[in-house]
Amino acid sequence: MERRIVKIKSITNVTHDVIRIVTEKPEGYNFIPGQATELSINKSGWQDKRRPFTFTSLPENDYLEFIIKTYSGHKGVTNELLTLKKHDELVLHPVFGAISYKEEGVFIAGGAGITPFISIFRSLESKGKIGANVLLFANKTHMDIILENDLRTWLGSAFVNILSEEKTTEYNYGVINENFLNANCPDLNHHFYVCGPPHMMDSVLKQLAHLGVDENSIVKEAL
């Protein structure tokens, strides 16, 4: 798929460091829930600086949505996105991604690693097929939880949070480890969908292997 230039329709805040960018959708532009594209900014000095971001809208929507964690201390694409406004332009590059929905299972996300799952859950919810899916979502504090209200509406008690830097009575405290996995997914004979920062991914994948989860049952982004 060739490069496509799209205008920004809106930019809004989701959390203290996460933004939602909605753009035009080119005619015939397709993706599968869970997939991503590389974005660059269509202005001098930025057209060739690409970063991967996941689609959080649905394929049938007449717009594209990206929920993006920003890093104001970094002098890169995500920081530059904070300077953009309505009618500024982004460049879409080819669609890619190995994450897609197979069947019911356990979704394990860390921070902005939730983004591939947002489109998947939206798609399932729109079809009345959330089913017995479970989401284990790790963040530093409750202020970092992306789309908490939406996820709770879609998943109910199957939406399980854990915070590593904040102790409260409302959320689990700590990190995702084997005890946490055993407590929240006693049946290991189904699919596991995993996405998060590299160190978290490495840890969770090792834990799943130690618990005897079939590697072929794990859905993750291809390296």
N, C-alpha and C. Protein backbone atom coordinates (compact mmCIF):
# COMPACT_ATOMS: atom_id res chain seq x y z
N MET A 1 0.85 -1.19 0.00
CA MET A 1 0.00 0.00 0.00
C MET A 1 0.89 1.25 0.00
N GLU A 2 0.58 2.19 -0.85
CA GLU A 2 1.40 3.38 -0.97
C GLU A 2 1.16 4.33 0.21
N ARG A 3 2.02 5.32 0.32
CA ARG A 3 1.85 6.33 1.36
C ARG A 3 0.59 7.14 1.10
N ARG A 4 -0.13 7.47 2.17
CA ARG A 4 -1.33 8.29 2.06
C ARG A 4 -1.21 9.46 3.01
N ILE A 5 -1.57 10.64 2.55
CA ILE A 5 -1.57 11.83 3.40
C ILE A 5 -2.99 12.09 3.88
N VAL A 6 -3.15 12.26 5.19
CA VAL A 6 -4.49 12.49 5.76
C VAL A 6 -4.45 13.71 6.68
N LYS A 7 -5.56 14.42 6.71
CA LYS A 7 -5.69 15.57 7.60
C LYS A 7 -6.19 15.11 8.98
N ILE A 8 -5.72 15.78 10.00
CA ILE A 8 -6.18 15.52 11.36
C ILE A 8 -7.55 16.18 11.55
N LYS A 9 -8.49 15.40 12.09
CA LYS A 9 -9.83 15.92 12.37
C LYS A 9 -9.94 16.42 13.80
N SER A 10 -9.23 15.77 14.71
CA SER A 10 -9.25 16.21 16.11
C SER A 10 -8.10 15.60 16.88
N ILE A 11 -7.66 16.30 17.93
CA ILE A 11 -6.68 15.78 18.89
C ILE A 11 -7.22 16.09 20.28
N THR A 12 -7.36 15.06 21.11
CA THR A 12 -7.85 15.25 22.46
C THR A 12 -7.00 14.43 23.44
N ASN A 13 -7.10 14.77 24.71
CA ASN A 13 -6.37 14.04 25.74
C ASN A 13 -7.18 12.87 26.25
N VAL A 14 -6.48 11.75 26.48
CA VAL A 14 -7.10 10.56 27.06
C VAL A 14 -6.68 10.42 28.52
N THR A 15 -5.38 10.57 28.77
CA THR A 15 -4.83 10.62 30.13
C THR A 15 -3.84 11.78 30.16
N HIS A 16 -3.10 11.87 31.26
CA HIS A 16 -2.14 12.98 31.40
C HIS A 16 -1.03 12.93 30.36
N ASP A 17 -0.75 11.76 29.78
CA ASP A 17 0.32 11.67 28.78
C ASP A 17 -0.08 10.85 27.56
N VAL A 18 -1.37 10.67 27.36
CA VAL A 18 -1.87 9.91 26.21
C VAL A 18 -2.86 10.78 25.45
N ILE A 19 -2.72 10.81 24.13
CA ILE A 19 -3.62 11.60 23.29
C ILE A 19 -4.36 10.69 22.31
N ARG A 20 -5.49 11.20 21.85
CA ARG A 20 -6.27 10.53 20.81
C ARG A 20 -6.24 11.40 19.56
N ILE A 21 -5.74 10.86 18.47
CA ILE A 21 -5.73 11.57 17.19
C ILE A 21 -6.70 10.89 16.24
N VAL A 22 -7.64 11.67 15.70
CA VAL A 22 -8.59 11.17 14.72
C VAL A 22 -8.27 11.83 13.39
N THR A 23 -8.17 11.03 12.34
CA THR A 23 -7.82 11.55 11.02
C THR A 23 -8.87 11.13 9.98
N GLU A 24 -8.75 11.72 8.83
CA GLU A 24 -9.51 11.25 7.68
C GLU A 24 -9.11 9.79 7.40
N LYS A 25 -9.98 9.10 6.67
CA LYS A 25 -9.66 7.74 6.24
C LYS A 25 -9.69 7.68 4.73
N PRO A 26 -8.57 7.34 4.12
CA PRO A 26 -8.56 7.26 2.65
C PRO A 26 -9.53 6.19 2.13
N GLU A 27 -10.07 6.43 1.00
CA GLU A 27 -10.98 5.47 0.38
C GLU A 27 -10.25 4.16 0.12
N GLY A 28 -10.86 3.05 0.49
CA GLY A 28 -10.26 1.74 0.25
C GLY A 28 -9.18 1.34 1.23
N TYR A 29 -8.99 2.13 2.29
CA TYR A 29 -7.93 1.85 3.27
C TYR A 29 -8.45 0.81 4.26
N ASN A 30 -7.77 -0.31 4.38
CA ASN A 30 -8.25 -1.41 5.21
C ASN A 30 -7.20 -1.90 6.20
N PHE A 31 -7.68 -2.42 7.31
CA PHE A 31 -6.80 -3.05 8.30
C PHE A 31 -7.65 -4.04 9.10
N ILE A 32 -6.97 -4.90 9.84
CA ILE A 32 -7.64 -5.86 10.72
C ILE A 32 -7.47 -5.35 12.15
N PRO A 33 -8.51 -5.42 13.01
CA PRO A 33 -8.34 -5.00 14.39
C PRO A 33 -7.12 -5.65 15.04
N GLY A 34 -6.26 -4.82 15.61
CA GLY A 34 -5.00 -5.29 16.18
C GLY A 34 -3.80 -4.86 15.37
N GLN A 35 -4.03 -4.47 14.11
CA GLN A 35 -2.91 -4.07 13.25
C GLN A 35 -2.52 -2.61 13.44
N ALA A 36 -1.43 -2.22 12.81
CA ALA A 36 -0.84 -0.89 12.99
C ALA A 36 -0.32 -0.35 11.67
N THR A 37 0.15 0.87 11.72
CA THR A 37 0.87 1.47 10.60
C THR A 37 1.98 2.33 11.16
N GLU A 38 2.89 2.73 10.32
CA GLU A 38 3.86 3.74 10.71
C GLU A 38 3.32 5.10 10.30
N LEU A 39 3.45 6.06 11.18
CA LEU A 39 3.03 7.43 10.91
C LEU A 39 4.24 8.34 10.85
N SER A 40 4.18 9.30 9.97
CA SER A 40 5.12 10.42 9.99
C SER A 40 4.32 11.70 9.85
N ILE A 41 4.96 12.80 10.14
CA ILE A 41 4.28 14.10 10.14
C ILE A 41 4.60 14.81 8.83
N ASN A 42 3.58 15.31 8.17
CA ASN A 42 3.78 15.91 6.84
C ASN A 42 4.17 17.38 6.96
N LYS A 43 5.38 17.58 7.47
CA LYS A 43 5.94 18.92 7.46
C LYS A 43 7.46 18.81 7.39
N SER A 44 8.10 19.86 6.99
CA SER A 44 9.52 19.85 6.70
C SER A 44 10.33 19.25 7.85
N GLY A 45 11.18 18.29 7.50
CA GLY A 45 12.05 17.67 8.48
C GLY A 45 11.46 16.48 9.20
N TRP A 46 10.18 16.20 8.95
CA TRP A 46 9.52 15.13 9.69
C TRP A 46 8.93 14.04 8.80
N GLN A 47 8.88 14.24 7.49
CA GLN A 47 8.22 13.26 6.61
C GLN A 47 8.85 11.87 6.67
N ASP A 48 10.16 11.79 6.90
CA ASP A 48 10.84 10.50 6.88
C ASP A 48 11.07 9.93 8.27
N LYS A 49 10.56 10.58 9.30
CA LYS A 49 10.71 10.09 10.68
C LYS A 49 9.44 9.34 11.07
N ARG A 50 9.50 8.02 10.93
CA ARG A 50 8.31 7.19 11.14
C ARG A 50 8.32 6.56 12.53
N ARG A 51 7.10 6.36 13.07
CA ARG A 51 6.94 5.61 14.30
C ARG A 51 5.68 4.74 14.17
N PRO A 52 5.72 3.52 14.70
CA PRO A 52 4.56 2.63 14.59
C PRO A 52 3.47 2.97 15.61
N PHE A 53 2.23 3.02 15.16
CA PHE A 53 1.09 3.24 16.03
C PHE A 53 -0.06 2.35 15.59
N THR A 54 -0.81 1.86 16.56
CA THR A 54 -1.90 0.93 16.30
C THR A 54 -3.20 1.66 16.00
N PHE A 55 -3.98 1.11 15.09
CA PHE A 55 -5.33 1.63 14.86
C PHE A 55 -6.20 1.27 16.06
N THR A 56 -6.90 2.25 16.63
CA THR A 56 -7.83 1.95 17.72
C THR A 56 -9.28 2.13 17.29
N SER A 57 -9.48 2.56 16.07
CA SER A 57 -10.83 2.63 15.49
C SER A 57 -11.18 1.26 14.91
N LEU A 58 -12.38 1.16 14.37
CA LEU A 58 -12.82 -0.07 13.71
C LEU A 58 -12.61 0.05 12.20
N PRO A 59 -12.38 -1.06 11.51
CA PRO A 59 -12.19 -1.00 10.06
C PRO A 59 -13.36 -0.37 9.33
N GLU A 60 -14.57 -0.52 9.86
CA GLU A 60 -15.75 0.02 9.19
C GLU A 60 -16.01 1.50 9.49
N ASN A 61 -15.27 2.08 10.43
CA ASN A 61 -15.43 3.52 10.70
C ASN A 61 -14.99 4.34 9.50
N ASP A 62 -15.55 5.54 9.35
CA ASP A 62 -15.16 6.41 8.24
C ASP A 62 -14.04 7.37 8.63
N TYR A 63 -13.33 7.02 9.68
CA TYR A 63 -12.19 7.79 10.16
C TYR A 63 -11.16 6.81 10.71
N LEU A 64 -9.95 7.28 10.95
CA LEU A 64 -8.92 6.49 11.62
C LEU A 64 -8.65 7.12 12.98
N GLU A 65 -8.46 6.29 13.98
CA GLU A 65 -8.14 6.78 15.33
C GLU A 65 -6.88 6.12 15.83
N PHE A 66 -6.03 6.91 16.48
CA PHE A 66 -4.81 6.41 17.10
C PHE A 66 -4.76 6.93 18.53
N ILE A 67 -4.56 6.05 19.49
CA ILE A 67 -4.37 6.46 20.88
C ILE A 67 -2.89 6.28 21.18
N ILE A 68 -2.23 7.39 21.51
CA ILE A 68 -0.77 7.43 21.50
C ILE A 68 -0.23 7.96 22.82
N LYS A 69 0.68 7.22 23.41
CA LYS A 69 1.39 7.69 24.60
C LYS A 69 2.48 8.65 24.16
N THR A 70 2.54 9.83 24.78
CA THR A 70 3.52 10.84 24.40
C THR A 70 4.63 10.94 25.45
N TYR A 71 5.76 11.42 25.01
CA TYR A 71 6.92 11.56 25.89
C TYR A 71 7.47 12.97 25.71
N SER A 72 7.01 13.88 26.54
CA SER A 72 7.33 15.29 26.34
C SER A 72 8.81 15.59 26.50
N GLY A 73 9.54 14.71 27.18
CA GLY A 73 10.97 14.94 27.35
C GLY A 73 11.80 14.44 26.19
N HIS A 74 11.18 13.74 25.25
CA HIS A 74 11.89 13.20 24.10
C HIS A 74 11.71 14.11 22.89
N LYS A 75 12.77 14.30 22.14
CA LYS A 75 12.68 15.14 20.94
C LYS A 75 12.46 14.26 19.72
N GLY A 76 11.30 13.61 19.67
CA GLY A 76 10.99 12.71 18.59
C GLY A 76 9.58 12.92 18.08
N VAL A 77 9.07 11.92 17.34
CA VAL A 77 7.77 12.04 16.70
C VAL A 77 6.65 12.23 17.71
N THR A 78 6.66 11.42 18.80
CA THR A 78 5.56 11.54 19.76
C THR A 78 5.53 12.92 20.42
N ASN A 79 6.69 13.48 20.69
CA ASN A 79 6.72 14.83 21.25
C ASN A 79 6.22 15.85 20.23
N GLU A 80 6.60 15.67 18.98
CA GLU A 80 6.17 16.61 17.93
C GLU A 80 4.66 16.53 17.70
N LEU A 81 4.07 15.36 17.93
CA LEU A 81 2.63 15.23 17.78
C LEU A 81 1.88 16.20 18.71
N LEU A 82 2.50 16.53 19.83
CA LEU A 82 1.86 17.43 20.79
C LEU A 82 1.73 18.84 20.25
N THR A 83 2.47 19.16 19.20
CA THR A 83 2.41 20.51 18.62
C THR A 83 1.37 20.61 17.51
N LEU A 84 0.78 19.48 17.11
CA LEU A 84 -0.13 19.48 15.97
C LEU A 84 -1.53 19.93 16.36
N LYS A 85 -2.30 20.29 15.35
CA LYS A 85 -3.67 20.76 15.57
C LYS A 85 -4.55 20.29 14.41
N LYS A 86 -5.83 20.55 14.51
CA LYS A 86 -6.78 20.18 13.48
C LYS A 86 -6.33 20.73 12.12
N HIS A 87 -6.46 19.90 11.08
CA HIS A 87 -6.11 20.20 9.69
C HIS A 87 -4.63 20.03 9.38
N ASP A 88 -3.77 19.82 10.41
CA ASP A 88 -2.40 19.42 10.11
C ASP A 88 -2.44 18.03 9.49
N GLU A 89 -1.34 17.62 8.86
CA GLU A 89 -1.36 16.37 8.09
C GLU A 89 -0.38 15.33 8.63
N LEU A 90 -0.81 14.07 8.54
CA LEU A 90 0.04 12.93 8.85
C LEU A 90 0.20 12.08 7.59
N VAL A 91 1.27 11.31 7.55
CA VAL A 91 1.52 10.40 6.44
C VAL A 91 1.34 8.98 6.93
N LEU A 92 0.42 8.25 6.28
CA LEU A 92 0.21 6.84 6.58
C LEU A 92 1.11 5.99 5.70
N HIS A 93 1.75 5.00 6.31
CA HIS A 93 2.58 4.05 5.58
C HIS A 93 1.87 2.69 5.56
N PRO A 94 2.45 1.66 4.97
CA PRO A 94 1.75 0.38 4.85
C PRO A 94 1.29 -0.19 6.19
N VAL A 95 0.16 -0.88 6.15
CA VAL A 95 -0.39 -1.55 7.32
C VAL A 95 0.43 -2.80 7.64
N PHE A 96 0.65 -3.07 8.92
CA PHE A 96 1.37 -4.28 9.30
C PHE A 96 0.83 -4.77 10.65
N GLY A 97 1.29 -5.92 11.08
CA GLY A 97 0.95 -6.39 12.41
C GLY A 97 0.51 -7.84 12.44
N ALA A 98 1.01 -8.57 13.45
CA ALA A 98 0.70 -9.98 13.60
C ALA A 98 -0.40 -10.23 14.63
N ILE A 99 -0.81 -9.18 15.35
CA ILE A 99 -1.84 -9.36 16.38
C ILE A 99 -3.23 -9.29 15.75
N SER A 100 -4.00 -10.33 15.93
CA SER A 100 -5.39 -10.35 15.48
C SER A 100 -6.13 -11.35 16.35
N TYR A 101 -7.44 -11.25 16.36
CA TYR A 101 -8.25 -12.10 17.23
C TYR A 101 -8.39 -13.50 16.65
N LYS A 102 -8.13 -14.49 17.50
CA LYS A 102 -8.25 -15.90 17.10
C LYS A 102 -9.50 -16.52 17.72
N GLU A 103 -9.52 -16.50 19.04
CA GLU A 103 -10.66 -17.03 19.79
C GLU A 103 -10.55 -16.52 21.22
N GLU A 104 -11.54 -16.85 22.06
CA GLU A 104 -11.54 -16.35 23.44
C GLU A 104 -10.26 -16.73 24.17
N GLY A 105 -9.82 -15.82 25.04
CA GLY A 105 -8.61 -16.08 25.79
C GLY A 105 -8.31 -14.96 26.77
N VAL A 106 -7.04 -14.87 27.15
CA VAL A 106 -6.58 -13.88 28.11
C VAL A 106 -5.71 -12.86 27.40
N PHE A 107 -6.07 -11.60 27.53
CA PHE A 107 -5.30 -10.50 26.97
C PHE A 107 -4.45 -9.91 28.09
N ILE A 108 -3.15 -9.79 27.87
CA ILE A 108 -2.24 -9.25 28.87
C ILE A 108 -1.56 -8.03 28.27
N ALA A 109 -1.79 -6.86 28.88
CA ALA A 109 -1.27 -5.60 28.33
C ALA A 109 -0.52 -4.82 29.40
N GLY A 110 0.51 -4.13 28.97
CA GLY A 110 1.24 -3.22 29.84
C GLY A 110 1.23 -1.83 29.24
N GLY A 111 0.66 -0.85 29.96
CA GLY A 111 0.66 0.54 29.50
C GLY A 111 0.04 0.71 28.13
N ALA A 112 0.79 1.38 27.24
CA ALA A 112 0.30 1.62 25.88
C ALA A 112 0.19 0.35 25.06
N GLY A 113 0.63 -0.77 25.61
CA GLY A 113 0.46 -2.05 24.94
C GLY A 113 -1.00 -2.47 24.83
N ILE A 114 -1.88 -1.72 25.46
CA ILE A 114 -3.31 -1.99 25.34
C ILE A 114 -3.84 -1.64 23.95
N THR A 115 -3.15 -0.78 23.21
CA THR A 115 -3.74 -0.22 21.99
C THR A 115 -4.14 -1.26 20.94
N PRO A 116 -3.38 -2.34 20.69
CA PRO A 116 -3.87 -3.31 19.70
C PRO A 116 -5.16 -3.99 20.13
N PHE A 117 -5.37 -4.06 21.46
CA PHE A 117 -6.55 -4.75 21.98
C PHE A 117 -7.79 -3.88 21.95
N ILE A 118 -7.62 -2.56 21.88
CA ILE A 118 -8.77 -1.66 21.90
C ILE A 118 -9.66 -1.91 20.68
N SER A 119 -9.06 -1.94 19.50
CA SER A 119 -9.84 -2.19 18.29
C SER A 119 -10.46 -3.59 18.33
N ILE A 120 -9.73 -4.56 18.87
CA ILE A 120 -10.26 -5.92 18.97
C ILE A 120 -11.49 -5.94 19.88
N PHE A 121 -11.37 -5.34 21.06
CA PHE A 121 -12.51 -5.33 21.99
C PHE A 121 -13.68 -4.52 21.43
N ARG A 122 -13.38 -3.42 20.75
CA ARG A 122 -14.46 -2.64 20.13
C ARG A 122 -15.20 -3.48 19.09
N SER A 123 -14.44 -4.23 18.32
CA SER A 123 -15.03 -5.06 17.28
C SER A 123 -15.90 -6.16 17.90
N LEU A 124 -15.36 -6.81 18.93
CA LEU A 124 -16.12 -7.87 19.60
C LEU A 124 -17.38 -7.32 20.24
N GLU A 125 -17.26 -6.17 20.91
CA GLU A 125 -18.41 -5.56 21.58
C GLU A 125 -19.49 -5.19 20.58
N SER A 126 -19.08 -4.68 19.42
CA SER A 126 -20.05 -4.26 18.41
C SER A 126 -20.83 -5.45 17.86
N LYS A 127 -20.25 -6.64 17.96
CA LYS A 127 -20.89 -7.86 17.46
C LYS A 127 -21.54 -8.67 18.58
N GLY A 128 -21.46 -8.16 19.82
CA GLY A 128 -21.98 -8.91 20.95
C GLY A 128 -21.21 -10.17 21.24
N LYS A 129 -19.89 -10.15 20.99
CA LYS A 129 -19.08 -11.35 21.12
C LYS A 129 -17.90 -11.20 22.09
N ILE A 130 -18.05 -10.33 23.11
CA ILE A 130 -16.98 -10.20 24.11
C ILE A 130 -16.74 -11.55 24.78
N GLY A 131 -17.82 -12.29 25.02
CA GLY A 131 -17.69 -13.65 25.54
C GLY A 131 -16.96 -13.73 26.85
N ALA A 132 -16.11 -14.74 26.99
CA ALA A 132 -15.38 -14.99 28.23
C ALA A 132 -13.96 -14.44 28.20
N ASN A 133 -13.69 -13.50 27.30
CA ASN A 133 -12.36 -12.91 27.25
C ASN A 133 -12.03 -12.18 28.55
N VAL A 134 -10.76 -12.22 28.92
CA VAL A 134 -10.27 -11.58 30.14
C VAL A 134 -9.14 -10.64 29.77
N LEU A 135 -9.08 -9.47 30.43
CA LEU A 135 -7.98 -8.52 30.22
C LEU A 135 -7.25 -8.30 31.53
N LEU A 136 -5.96 -8.58 31.54
CA LEU A 136 -5.07 -8.26 32.65
C LEU A 136 -4.24 -7.06 32.22
N PHE A 137 -4.41 -5.93 32.91
CA PHE A 137 -3.83 -4.67 32.46
C PHE A 137 -2.91 -4.11 33.54
N ALA A 138 -1.62 -3.99 33.21
CA ALA A 138 -0.61 -3.50 34.15
C ALA A 138 -0.25 -2.05 33.84
N ASN A 139 -0.25 -1.21 34.88
CA ASN A 139 0.14 0.18 34.77
C ASN A 139 0.90 0.61 36.02
N LYS A 140 1.48 1.80 35.96
CA LYS A 140 2.19 2.32 37.13
C LYS A 140 1.21 2.83 38.17
N THR A 141 0.26 3.71 37.76
CA THR A 141 -0.74 4.26 38.67
C THR A 141 -2.11 4.24 37.99
N HIS A 142 -3.16 4.51 38.75
CA HIS A 142 -4.50 4.49 38.15
C HIS A 142 -4.68 5.61 37.14
N MET A 143 -3.87 6.68 37.25
CA MET A 143 -3.94 7.78 36.29
C MET A 143 -3.43 7.37 34.91
N ASP A 144 -2.71 6.25 34.86
CA ASP A 144 -2.13 5.80 33.59
C ASP A 144 -3.05 4.83 32.83
N ILE A 145 -4.16 4.44 33.41
CA ILE A 145 -5.02 3.44 32.79
C ILE A 145 -5.77 4.06 31.60
N ILE A 146 -5.48 3.59 30.43
CA ILE A 146 -6.08 4.10 29.19
C ILE A 146 -7.48 3.52 29.00
N LEU A 147 -8.45 4.40 28.73
CA LEU A 147 -9.84 4.01 28.46
C LEU A 147 -10.41 3.09 29.54
N GLU A 148 -10.14 3.41 30.80
CA GLU A 148 -10.61 2.55 31.89
C GLU A 148 -12.13 2.36 31.86
N ASN A 149 -12.87 3.45 31.69
CA ASN A 149 -14.33 3.34 31.71
C ASN A 149 -14.85 2.48 30.56
N ASP A 150 -14.30 2.65 29.38
CA ASP A 150 -14.72 1.84 28.23
C ASP A 150 -14.42 0.36 28.46
N LEU A 151 -13.21 0.09 28.91
CA LEU A 151 -12.81 -1.30 29.11
C LEU A 151 -13.67 -1.97 30.18
N ARG A 152 -14.00 -1.22 31.23
CA ARG A 152 -14.85 -1.78 32.28
C ARG A 152 -16.26 -2.03 31.77
N THR A 153 -16.75 -1.12 30.92
CA THR A 153 -18.08 -1.31 30.33
C THR A 153 -18.12 -2.55 29.45
N TRP A 154 -17.08 -2.74 28.65
CA TRP A 154 -17.04 -3.87 27.72
C TRP A 154 -16.84 -5.20 28.44
N LEU A 155 -15.95 -5.21 29.46
CA LEU A 155 -15.49 -6.47 30.03
C LEU A 155 -16.02 -6.76 31.44
N GLY A 156 -16.51 -5.73 32.13
CA GLY A 156 -17.01 -5.95 33.49
C GLY A 156 -15.95 -6.48 34.42
N SER A 157 -16.28 -7.53 35.16
CA SER A 157 -15.34 -8.09 36.13
C SER A 157 -14.18 -8.83 35.48
N ALA A 158 -14.23 -9.02 34.16
CA ALA A 158 -13.12 -9.66 33.44
C ALA A 158 -12.02 -8.67 33.10
N PHE A 159 -12.18 -7.43 33.54
CA PHE A 159 -11.17 -6.39 33.39
C PHE A 159 -10.42 -6.29 34.72
N VAL A 160 -9.17 -6.78 34.75
CA VAL A 160 -8.40 -6.88 35.99
C VAL A 160 -7.17 -5.99 35.89
N ASN A 161 -7.06 -5.03 36.81
CA ASN A 161 -5.94 -4.09 36.80
C ASN A 161 -4.92 -4.42 37.88
N ILE A 162 -3.67 -4.08 37.59
CA ILE A 162 -2.61 -4.18 38.59
C ILE A 162 -1.69 -2.98 38.44
N LEU A 163 -1.35 -2.35 39.55
CA LEU A 163 -0.53 -1.13 39.56
C LEU A 163 0.79 -1.41 40.25
N SER A 164 1.88 -0.94 39.66
CA SER A 164 3.20 -1.22 40.22
C SER A 164 3.73 -0.11 41.13
N GLU A 165 3.15 1.10 41.04
CA GLU A 165 3.69 2.22 41.82
C GLU A 165 2.64 2.92 42.68
N GLU A 166 1.50 2.27 42.87
CA GLU A 166 0.45 2.89 43.68
C GLU A 166 -0.36 1.80 44.38
N LYS A 167 -0.48 1.94 45.69
CA LYS A 167 -1.28 1.00 46.47
C LYS A 167 -2.63 1.63 46.77
N THR A 168 -3.70 0.96 46.35
CA THR A 168 -5.05 1.41 46.66
C THR A 168 -5.90 0.19 46.99
N THR A 169 -7.09 0.44 47.52
CA THR A 169 -8.00 -0.67 47.82
C THR A 169 -8.77 -1.12 46.59
N GLU A 170 -8.68 -0.34 45.51
CA GLU A 170 -9.48 -0.63 44.31
C GLU A 170 -8.76 -1.50 43.29
N TYR A 171 -7.42 -1.52 43.36
CA TYR A 171 -6.66 -2.22 42.32
C TYR A 171 -5.66 -3.17 42.96
N ASN A 172 -5.29 -4.20 42.20
CA ASN A 172 -4.19 -5.06 42.63
C ASN A 172 -2.89 -4.27 42.62
N TYR A 173 -1.96 -4.69 43.46
CA TYR A 173 -0.66 -4.00 43.54
C TYR A 173 0.45 -4.99 43.20
N GLY A 174 1.41 -4.51 42.39
CA GLY A 174 2.56 -5.33 42.04
C GLY A 174 2.76 -5.40 40.54
N VAL A 175 3.31 -6.50 40.10
CA VAL A 175 3.53 -6.72 38.67
C VAL A 175 2.92 -8.07 38.29
N ILE A 176 2.76 -8.28 36.99
CA ILE A 176 2.22 -9.55 36.53
C ILE A 176 3.28 -10.64 36.70
N ASN A 177 2.99 -11.58 37.58
CA ASN A 177 3.90 -12.70 37.82
C ASN A 177 3.09 -14.00 37.79
N GLU A 178 3.73 -15.12 38.07
CA GLU A 178 3.04 -16.41 37.95
C GLU A 178 1.89 -16.52 38.94
N ASN A 179 2.05 -15.99 40.15
CA ASN A 179 0.96 -16.04 41.13
C ASN A 179 -0.25 -15.26 40.62
N PHE A 180 0.01 -14.10 40.04
CA PHE A 180 -1.08 -13.27 39.52
C PHE A 180 -1.76 -13.97 38.35
N LEU A 181 -0.97 -14.59 37.49
CA LEU A 181 -1.54 -15.31 36.35
C LEU A 181 -2.37 -16.49 36.82
N ASN A 182 -1.87 -17.26 37.77
CA ASN A 182 -2.61 -18.40 38.28
C ASN A 182 -3.93 -17.98 38.94
N ALA A 183 -3.89 -16.83 39.62
CA ALA A 183 -5.09 -16.36 40.33
C ALA A 183 -6.16 -15.87 39.38
N ASN A 184 -5.75 -15.36 38.20
CA ASN A 184 -6.71 -14.72 37.32
C ASN A 184 -6.99 -15.47 36.03
N CYS A 185 -6.23 -16.52 35.77
CA CYS A 185 -6.52 -17.36 34.60
C CYS A 185 -6.13 -18.80 34.91
N PRO A 186 -6.92 -19.45 35.77
CA PRO A 186 -6.60 -20.83 36.16
C PRO A 186 -6.61 -21.82 34.99
N ASP A 187 -7.40 -21.52 33.95
CA ASP A 187 -7.42 -22.38 32.77
C ASP A 187 -6.41 -21.84 31.76
N LEU A 188 -5.36 -22.60 31.54
CA LEU A 188 -4.29 -22.15 30.65
C LEU A 188 -4.43 -22.70 29.24
N ASN A 189 -5.51 -23.42 28.99
CA ASN A 189 -5.68 -24.06 27.68
C ASN A 189 -6.50 -23.20 26.73
N HIS A 190 -6.03 -22.00 26.50
CA HIS A 190 -6.66 -21.13 25.51
C HIS A 190 -5.63 -20.12 25.02
N HIS A 191 -6.05 -19.20 24.21
CA HIS A 191 -5.10 -18.24 23.65
C HIS A 191 -4.71 -17.16 24.67
N PHE A 192 -3.46 -16.72 24.58
CA PHE A 192 -2.97 -15.58 25.34
C PHE A 192 -2.50 -14.52 24.35
N TYR A 193 -2.99 -13.31 24.53
CA TYR A 193 -2.61 -12.17 23.68
C TYR A 193 -1.75 -11.25 24.55
N VAL A 194 -0.53 -10.97 24.10
CA VAL A 194 0.41 -10.25 24.96
C VAL A 194 0.99 -9.05 24.22
N CYS A 195 0.94 -7.87 24.85
CA CYS A 195 1.55 -6.68 24.26
C CYS A 195 1.92 -5.69 25.36
N GLY A 196 3.13 -5.17 25.31
CA GLY A 196 3.58 -4.20 26.30
C GLY A 196 5.03 -3.84 26.06
N PRO A 197 5.64 -3.12 27.00
CA PRO A 197 7.06 -2.77 26.87
C PRO A 197 7.92 -4.03 26.78
N PRO A 198 9.09 -3.94 26.13
CA PRO A 198 9.92 -5.13 25.93
C PRO A 198 10.23 -5.92 27.20
N HIS A 199 10.59 -5.22 28.29
CA HIS A 199 10.95 -5.93 29.52
C HIS A 199 9.75 -6.68 30.10
N MET A 200 8.57 -6.08 29.98
CA MET A 200 7.35 -6.73 30.47
C MET A 200 7.01 -7.93 29.59
N MET A 201 7.14 -7.76 28.27
CA MET A 201 6.87 -8.86 27.34
C MET A 201 7.79 -10.05 27.65
N ASP A 202 9.07 -9.78 27.81
CA ASP A 202 10.02 -10.87 28.09
C ASP A 202 9.63 -11.62 29.35
N SER A 203 9.27 -10.87 30.40
CA SER A 203 8.92 -11.48 31.67
C SER A 203 7.66 -12.34 31.55
N VAL A 204 6.61 -11.78 30.93
CA VAL A 204 5.34 -12.51 30.81
C VAL A 204 5.51 -13.75 29.94
N LEU A 205 6.22 -13.63 28.84
CA LEU A 205 6.41 -14.79 27.96
C LEU A 205 7.17 -15.91 28.66
N LYS A 206 8.15 -15.55 29.49
CA LYS A 206 8.88 -16.57 30.26
C LYS A 206 7.96 -17.23 31.28
N GLN A 207 7.11 -16.43 31.91
CA GLN A 207 6.18 -16.97 32.91
C GLN A 207 5.18 -17.92 32.25
N LEU A 208 4.66 -17.54 31.10
CA LEU A 208 3.71 -18.39 30.40
C LEU A 208 4.37 -19.71 29.98
N ALA A 209 5.61 -19.63 29.53
CA ALA A 209 6.34 -20.84 29.14
C ALA A 209 6.53 -21.75 30.36
N HIS A 210 6.88 -21.14 31.49
CA HIS A 210 7.10 -21.91 32.72
C HIS A 210 5.81 -22.58 33.19
N LEU A 211 4.68 -21.93 32.93
CA LEU A 211 3.39 -22.48 33.32
C LEU A 211 2.89 -23.54 32.33
N GLY A 212 3.64 -23.72 31.26
CA GLY A 212 3.29 -24.76 30.31
C GLY A 212 2.34 -24.35 29.20
N VAL A 213 2.19 -23.05 28.98
CA VAL A 213 1.32 -22.57 27.91
C VAL A 213 1.96 -22.88 26.56
N ASP A 214 1.19 -23.44 25.67
CA ASP A 214 1.66 -23.78 24.33
C ASP A 214 2.07 -22.50 23.60
N GLU A 215 3.29 -22.47 23.10
CA GLU A 215 3.79 -21.29 22.38
C GLU A 215 2.89 -20.92 21.20
N ASN A 216 2.27 -21.92 20.57
CA ASN A 216 1.40 -21.66 19.44
C ASN A 216 0.08 -21.00 19.84
N SER A 217 -0.18 -20.95 21.15
CA SER A 217 -1.40 -20.32 21.65
C SER A 217 -1.17 -18.86 22.05
N ILE A 218 0.07 -18.39 21.88
CA ILE A 218 0.41 -17.02 22.27
C ILE A 218 0.40 -16.12 21.04
N VAL A 219 -0.37 -15.05 21.11
CA VAL A 219 -0.45 -14.07 20.02
C VAL A 219 0.30 -12.83 20.45
N LYS A 220 1.32 -12.46 19.67
CA LYS A 220 2.12 -11.28 20.00
C LYS A 220 2.65 -10.70 18.71
N GLU A 221 3.18 -9.48 18.79
CA GLU A 221 3.73 -8.85 17.59
C GLU A 221 4.99 -9.59 17.17
N ALA A 222 5.14 -9.81 15.88
CA ALA A 222 6.33 -10.49 15.36
C ALA A 222 7.54 -9.61 15.57
N LEU A 223 8.67 -10.22 15.95
CA LEU A 223 9.91 -9.47 16.18
C LEU A 223 10.67 -9.29 14.88
